[in-house]
PDB file of all heavy atoms in Angstrom:
ATOM      1  N   GLY A   1      94.379 107.892 111.592  1.00  0.00           N
ATOM      2  CA  GLY A   1      93.391 107.269 112.467  1.00  0.00           C
ATOM      3  C   GLY A   1      93.491 105.763 112.450  1.00  0.00           C
ATOM      4  O   GLY A   1      92.483 105.070 112.401  1.00  0.00           O
ATOM      5  N   ALA A   2      94.719 105.234 112.477  1.00  0.00           N
ATOM      6  CA  ALA A   2      94.927 103.788 112.371  1.00  0.00           C
ATOM      7  C   ALA A   2      96.050 103.335 113.296  1.00  0.00           C
ATOM      8  O   ALA A   2      96.886 104.131 113.717  1.00  0.00           O
ATOM      9  CB  ALA A   2      95.275 103.414 110.935  1.00  0.00           C
ATOM     10  N   ALA A   3      96.063 102.049 113.590  1.00  0.00           N
ATOM     11  CA  ALA A   3      97.154 101.413 114.313  1.00  0.00           C
ATOM     12  C   ALA A   3      97.644 100.265 113.445  1.00  0.00           C
ATOM     13  O   ALA A   3      96.842  99.442 112.989  1.00  0.00           O
ATOM     14  CB  ALA A   3      96.685 100.892 115.670  1.00  0.00           C
ATOM     15  N   VAL A   4      98.947 100.247 113.164  1.00  0.00           N
ATOM     16  CA  VAL A   4      99.509  99.249 112.261  1.00  0.00           C
ATOM     17  C   VAL A   4     100.806  98.689 112.816  1.00  0.00           C
ATOM     18  O   VAL A   4     101.497  99.325 113.600  1.00  0.00           O
ATOM     19  CB  VAL A   4      99.775  99.846 110.855  1.00  0.00           C
ATOM     20  CG1 VAL A   4      98.515 100.393 110.251  1.00  0.00           C
ATOM     21  CG2 VAL A   4     100.831 100.926 110.905  1.00  0.00           C
ATOM     22  N   SER A   5     101.118  97.493 112.370  1.00  0.00           N
ATOM     23  CA  SER A   5     102.387  96.849 112.667  1.00  0.00           C
ATOM     24  C   SER A   5     103.109  96.662 111.338  1.00  0.00           C
ATOM     25  O   SER A   5     102.541  96.109 110.395  1.00  0.00           O
ATOM     26  CB  SER A   5     102.140  95.493 113.330  1.00  0.00           C
ATOM     27  OG  SER A   5     103.356  94.786 113.457  1.00  0.00           O
ATOM     28  N   VAL A   6     104.360  97.148 111.267  1.00  0.00           N
ATOM     29  CA  VAL A   6     105.143  97.042 110.040  1.00  0.00           C
ATOM     30  C   VAL A   6     106.449  96.349 110.366  1.00  0.00           C
ATOM     31  O   VAL A   6     107.156  96.745 111.296  1.00  0.00           O
ATOM     32  CB  VAL A   6     105.455  98.435 109.440  1.00  0.00           C
ATOM     33  CG1 VAL A   6     106.255  98.296 108.160  1.00  0.00           C
ATOM     34  CG2 VAL A   6     104.181  99.217 109.198  1.00  0.00           C
ATOM     35  N   GLY A   7     106.758  95.305 109.620  1.00  0.00           N
ATOM     36  CA  GLY A   7     108.018  94.601 109.789  1.00  0.00           C
ATOM     37  C   GLY A   7     108.744  94.525 108.466  1.00  0.00           C
ATOM     38  O   GLY A   7     108.125  94.321 107.421  1.00  0.00           O
ATOM     39  N   ALA A   8     110.060  94.749 108.491  1.00  0.00           N
ATOM     40  CA  ALA A   8     110.864  94.679 107.270  1.00  0.00           C
ATOM     41  C   ALA A   8     112.030  93.727 107.493  1.00  0.00           C
ATOM     42  O   ALA A   8     112.621  93.703 108.568  1.00  0.00           O
ATOM     43  CB  ALA A   8     111.381  96.057 106.891  1.00  0.00           C
ATOM     44  N   SER A   9     112.318  92.933 106.471  1.00  0.00           N
ATOM     45  CA  SER A   9     113.452  92.017 106.519  1.00  0.00           C
ATOM     46  C   SER A   9     113.995  91.878 105.111  1.00  0.00           C
ATOM     47  O   SER A   9     113.502  92.516 104.182  1.00  0.00           O
ATOM     48  CB  SER A   9     113.013  90.652 107.057  1.00  0.00           C
ATOM     49  OG  SER A   9     112.143  90.025 106.130  1.00  0.00           O
ATOM     50  N   GLU A  10     114.990  91.050 104.941  1.00  0.00           N
ATOM     51  CA  GLU A  10     115.534  90.815 103.609  1.00  0.00           C
ATOM     52  C   GLU A  10     114.488  90.244 102.663  1.00  0.00           C
ATOM     53  O   GLU A  10     114.556  90.420 101.461  1.00  0.00           O
ATOM     54  CB  GLU A  10     116.737  89.881 103.686  1.00  0.00           C
ATOM     55  CG  GLU A  10     117.948  90.517 104.330  1.00  0.00           C
ATOM     56  CD  GLU A  10     119.120  89.557 104.390  1.00  0.00           C
ATOM     57  OE1 GLU A  10     119.159  88.605 103.603  1.00  0.00           O
ATOM     58  OE2 GLU A  10     119.996  89.784 105.235  1.00  0.00           O
ATOM     59  N   GLY A  11     113.487  89.551 103.210  1.00  0.00           N
ATOM     60  CA  GLY A  11     112.439  88.945 102.403  1.00  0.00           C
ATOM     61  C   GLY A  11     111.363  89.921 101.963  1.00  0.00           C
ATOM     62  O   GLY A  11     110.548  89.602 101.112  1.00  0.00           O
ATOM     63  N   GLY A  12     111.333  91.121 102.545  1.00  0.00           N
ATOM     64  CA  GLY A  12     110.335  92.107 102.164  1.00  0.00           C
ATOM     65  C   GLY A  12     109.696  92.772 103.356  1.00  0.00           C
ATOM     66  O   GLY A  12     110.269  92.817 104.441  1.00  0.00           O
ATOM     67  N   VAL A  13     108.506  93.283 103.142  1.00  0.00           N
ATOM     68  CA  VAL A  13     107.784  94.045 104.155  1.00  0.00           C
ATOM     69  C   VAL A  13     106.438  93.382 104.412  1.00  0.00           C
ATOM     70  O   VAL A  13     105.791  92.910 103.480  1.00  0.00           O
ATOM     71  CB  VAL A  13     107.545  95.500 103.665  1.00  0.00           C
ATOM     72  CG1 VAL A  13     106.723  96.285 104.658  1.00  0.00           C
ATOM     73  CG2 VAL A  13     108.872  96.181 103.384  1.00  0.00           C
ATOM     74  N   GLU A  14     106.031  93.357 105.691  1.00  0.00           N
ATOM     75  CA  GLU A  14     104.707  92.861 106.040  1.00  0.00           C
ATOM     76  C   GLU A  14     104.023  93.914 106.893  1.00  0.00           C
ATOM     77  O   GLU A  14     104.590  94.407 107.866  1.00  0.00           O
ATOM     78  CB  GLU A  14     104.784  91.547 106.797  1.00  0.00           C
ATOM     79  CG  GLU A  14     103.399  90.992 107.136  1.00  0.00           C
ATOM     80  CD  GLU A  14     103.463  89.615 107.729  1.00  0.00           C
ATOM     81  OE1 GLU A  14     103.767  88.663 106.983  1.00  0.00           O
ATOM     82  OE2 GLU A  14     103.202  89.491 108.940  1.00  0.00           O
ATOM     83  N   LEU A  15     102.819  94.272 106.505  1.00  0.00           N
ATOM     84  CA  LEU A  15     102.015  95.260 107.204  1.00  0.00           C
ATOM     85  C   LEU A  15     100.757  94.573 107.708  1.00  0.00           C
ATOM     86  O   LEU A  15     100.079  93.896 106.939  1.00  0.00           O
ATOM     87  CB  LEU A  15     101.622  96.388 106.250  1.00  0.00           C
ATOM     88  CG  LEU A  15     100.523  97.327 106.738  1.00  0.00           C
ATOM     89  CD1 LEU A  15     101.117  98.358 107.682  1.00  0.00           C
ATOM     90  CD2 LEU A  15      99.851  98.005 105.569  1.00  0.00           C
ATOM     91  N   TYR A  16     100.463  94.737 108.997  1.00  0.00           N
ATOM     92  CA  TYR A  16      99.212  94.239 109.571  1.00  0.00           C
ATOM     93  C   TYR A  16      98.472  95.435 110.139  1.00  0.00           C
ATOM     94  O   TYR A  16      99.021  96.194 110.943  1.00  0.00           O
ATOM     95  CB  TYR A  16      99.473  93.213 110.671  1.00  0.00           C
ATOM     96  CG  TYR A  16      98.206  92.784 111.370  1.00  0.00           C
ATOM     97  CD1 TYR A  16      97.274  91.984 110.722  1.00  0.00           C
ATOM     98  CD2 TYR A  16      97.919  93.205 112.668  1.00  0.00           C
ATOM     99  CE1 TYR A  16      96.089  91.601 111.355  1.00  0.00           C
ATOM    100  CE2 TYR A  16      96.744  92.823 113.299  1.00  0.00           C
ATOM    101  CZ  TYR A  16      95.835  92.029 112.634  1.00  0.00           C
ATOM    102  OH  TYR A  16      94.666  91.663 113.247  1.00  0.00           O
ATOM    103  N   VAL A  17      97.226  95.623 109.727  1.00  0.00           N
ATOM    104  CA  VAL A  17      96.427  96.744 110.203  1.00  0.00           C
ATOM    105  C   VAL A  17      95.598  96.278 111.392  1.00  0.00           C
ATOM    106  O   VAL A  17      94.745  95.397 111.264  1.00  0.00           O
ATOM    107  CB  VAL A  17      95.517  97.305 109.082  1.00  0.00           C
ATOM    108  CG1 VAL A  17      94.705  98.475 109.597  1.00  0.00           C
ATOM    109  CG2 VAL A  17      96.359  97.721 107.884  1.00  0.00           C
ATOM    110  N   VAL A  18      95.871  96.869 112.551  1.00  0.00           N
ATOM    111  CA  VAL A  18      95.177  96.519 113.782  1.00  0.00           C
ATOM    112  C   VAL A  18      93.849  97.262 113.867  1.00  0.00           C
ATOM    113  O   VAL A  18      92.821  96.689 114.218  1.00  0.00           O
ATOM    114  CB  VAL A  18      96.053  96.867 115.012  1.00  0.00           C
ATOM    115  CG1 VAL A  18      95.313  96.579 116.313  1.00  0.00           C
ATOM    116  CG2 VAL A  18      97.378  96.128 114.956  1.00  0.00           C
ATOM    117  N   ARG A  19      93.879  98.563 113.532  1.00  0.00           N
ATOM    118  CA  ARG A  19      92.690  99.405 113.624  1.00  0.00           C
ATOM    119  C   ARG A  19      92.722 100.407 112.478  1.00  0.00           C
ATOM    120  O   ARG A  19      93.774 100.915 112.114  1.00  0.00           O
ATOM    121  CB  ARG A  19      92.706 100.151 114.959  1.00  0.00           C
ATOM    122  CG  ARG A  19      91.600 101.162 115.145  1.00  0.00           C
ATOM    123  CD  ARG A  19      91.682 101.872 116.497  1.00  0.00           C
ATOM    124  NE  ARG A  19      92.981 102.374 116.865  1.00  0.00           N
ATOM    125  CZ  ARG A  19      93.516 103.526 116.442  1.00  0.00           C
ATOM    126  NH1 ARG A  19      92.863 104.291 115.600  1.00  0.00           N
ATOM    127  NH2 ARG A  19      94.698 103.898 116.859  1.00  0.00           N
ATOM    128  N   GLY A  20      91.574 100.688 111.893  1.00  0.00           N
ATOM    129  CA  GLY A  20      91.486 101.683 110.819  1.00  0.00           C
ATOM    130  C   GLY A  20      91.878 101.101 109.475  1.00  0.00           C
ATOM    131  O   GLY A  20      91.671  99.914 109.212  1.00  0.00           O
ATOM    132  N   GLU A  21      92.478 101.956 108.632  1.00  0.00           N
ATOM    133  CA  GLU A  21      92.925 101.505 107.324  1.00  0.00           C
ATOM    134  C   GLU A  21      94.152 102.289 106.888  1.00  0.00           C
ATOM    135  O   GLU A  21      94.394 103.401 107.351  1.00  0.00           O
ATOM    136  CB  GLU A  21      91.818 101.612 106.281  1.00  0.00           C
ATOM    137  CG  GLU A  21      91.286 103.001 106.047  1.00  0.00           C
ATOM    138  CD  GLU A  21      90.117 103.018 105.069  1.00  0.00           C
ATOM    139  OE1 GLU A  21      89.291 102.093 105.087  1.00  0.00           O
ATOM    140  OE2 GLU A  21      90.051 103.979 104.288  1.00  0.00           O
ATOM    141  N   VAL A  22      94.912 101.673 105.994  1.00  0.00           N
ATOM    142  CA  VAL A  22      96.155 102.254 105.491  1.00  0.00           C
ATOM    143  C   VAL A  22      96.109 102.202 103.970  1.00  0.00           C
ATOM    144  O   VAL A  22      95.768 101.167 103.392  1.00  0.00           O
ATOM    145  CB  VAL A  22      97.380 101.457 106.004  1.00  0.00           C
ATOM    146  CG1 VAL A  22      98.665 101.956 105.392  1.00  0.00           C
ATOM    147  CG2 VAL A  22      97.440 101.511 107.526  1.00  0.00           C
ATOM    148  N   SER A  23      96.453 103.305 103.333  1.00  0.00           N
ATOM    149  CA  SER A  23      96.553 103.292 101.875  1.00  0.00           C
ATOM    150  C   SER A  23      98.005 103.027 101.510  1.00  0.00           C
ATOM    151  O   SER A  23      98.925 103.367 102.262  1.00  0.00           O
ATOM    152  CB  SER A  23      96.062 104.609 101.268  1.00  0.00           C
ATOM    153  OG  SER A  23      96.846 105.689 101.715  1.00  0.00           O
ATOM    154  N   TYR A  24      98.201 102.391 100.365  1.00  0.00           N
ATOM    155  CA  TYR A  24      99.567 102.085  99.939  1.00  0.00           C
ATOM    156  C   TYR A  24      99.736 102.363  98.454  1.00  0.00           C
ATOM    157  O   TYR A  24      98.788 102.393  97.688  1.00  0.00           O
ATOM    158  CB  TYR A  24      99.940 100.634 100.255  1.00  0.00           C
ATOM    159  CG  TYR A  24      99.232  99.610  99.404  1.00  0.00           C
ATOM    160  CD1 TYR A  24      99.782  99.181  98.202  1.00  0.00           C
ATOM    161  CD2 TYR A  24      98.020  99.073  99.802  1.00  0.00           C
ATOM    162  CE1 TYR A  24      99.131  98.241  97.413  1.00  0.00           C
ATOM    163  CE2 TYR A  24      97.364  98.145  99.029  1.00  0.00           C
ATOM    164  CZ  TYR A  24      97.920  97.732  97.837  1.00  0.00           C
ATOM    165  OH  TYR A  24      97.268  96.807  97.064  1.00  0.00           O
ATOM    166  N   ARG A  25     100.999 102.569  98.089  1.00  0.00           N
ATOM    167  CA  ARG A  25     101.371 102.722  96.685  1.00  0.00           C
ATOM    168  C   ARG A  25     102.717 102.033  96.499  1.00  0.00           C
ATOM    169  O   ARG A  25     103.640 102.226  97.286  1.00  0.00           O
ATOM    170  CB  ARG A  25     101.488 104.193  96.307  1.00  0.00           C
ATOM    171  CG  ARG A  25     101.788 104.361  94.812  1.00  0.00           C
ATOM    172  CD  ARG A  25     101.906 105.804  94.440  1.00  0.00           C
ATOM    173  NE  ARG A  25     103.227 106.231  94.885  1.00  0.00           N
ATOM    174  CZ  ARG A  25     103.562 107.475  95.153  1.00  0.00           C
ATOM    175  NH1 ARG A  25     102.688 108.437  95.067  1.00  0.00           N
ATOM    176  NH2 ARG A  25     104.775 107.769  95.532  1.00  0.00           N
ATOM    177  N   GLU A  26     102.796 101.204  95.478  1.00  0.00           N
ATOM    178  CA  GLU A  26     104.049 100.544  95.113  1.00  0.00           C
ATOM    179  C   GLU A  26     104.085 100.499  93.599  1.00  0.00           C
ATOM    180  O   GLU A  26     103.357  99.727  92.973  1.00  0.00           O
ATOM    181  CB  GLU A  26     104.128  99.141  95.711  1.00  0.00           C
ATOM    182  CG  GLU A  26     105.483  98.500  95.473  1.00  0.00           C
ATOM    183  CD  GLU A  26     105.656  97.215  96.237  1.00  0.00           C
ATOM    184  OE1 GLU A  26     104.662  96.584  96.622  1.00  0.00           O
ATOM    185  OE2 GLU A  26     106.812  96.838  96.444  1.00  0.00           O
ATOM    186  N   GLY A  27     104.893 101.389  93.017  1.00  0.00           N
ATOM    187  CA  GLY A  27     104.902 101.497  91.564  1.00  0.00           C
ATOM    188  C   GLY A  27     103.556 101.963  91.067  1.00  0.00           C
ATOM    189  O   GLY A  27     103.022 102.962  91.543  1.00  0.00           O
ATOM    190  N   ASP A  28     102.955 101.218  90.150  1.00  0.00           N
ATOM    191  CA  ASP A  28     101.636 101.561  89.611  1.00  0.00           C
ATOM    192  C   ASP A  28     100.491 100.979  90.430  1.00  0.00           C
ATOM    193  O   ASP A  28      99.332 101.228  90.123  1.00  0.00           O
ATOM    194  CB  ASP A  28     101.512 101.051  88.166  1.00  0.00           C
ATOM    195  CG  ASP A  28     102.443 101.786  87.224  1.00  0.00           C
ATOM    196  OD1 ASP A  28     102.809 102.936  87.526  1.00  0.00           O
ATOM    197  OD2 ASP A  28     102.811 101.207  86.182  1.00  0.00           O
ATOM    198  N   HIS A  29     100.806 100.204  91.455  1.00  0.00           N
ATOM    199  CA  HIS A  29      99.774  99.554  92.275  1.00  0.00           C
ATOM    200  C   HIS A  29      99.414 100.435  93.464  1.00  0.00           C
ATOM    201  O   HIS A  29     100.289 100.907  94.175  1.00  0.00           O
ATOM    202  CB  HIS A  29     100.251  98.183  92.772  1.00  0.00           C
ATOM    203  CG  HIS A  29     100.596  97.246  91.670  1.00  0.00           C
ATOM    204  ND1 HIS A  29      99.646  96.586  90.934  1.00  0.00           N
ATOM    205  CD2 HIS A  29     101.789  96.879  91.162  1.00  0.00           C
ATOM    206  CE1 HIS A  29     100.246  95.841  90.016  1.00  0.00           C
ATOM    207  NE2 HIS A  29     101.547  96.008  90.137  1.00  0.00           N
TER     208      HIS A  29
END
């Protein structure tokens, strides 16, 4: 139930949440 923009490059990943919410997991975080 969300709209998101995800961009990936050599520098990493950037996520912008336009509508709703997104859960994330990266290692222990």
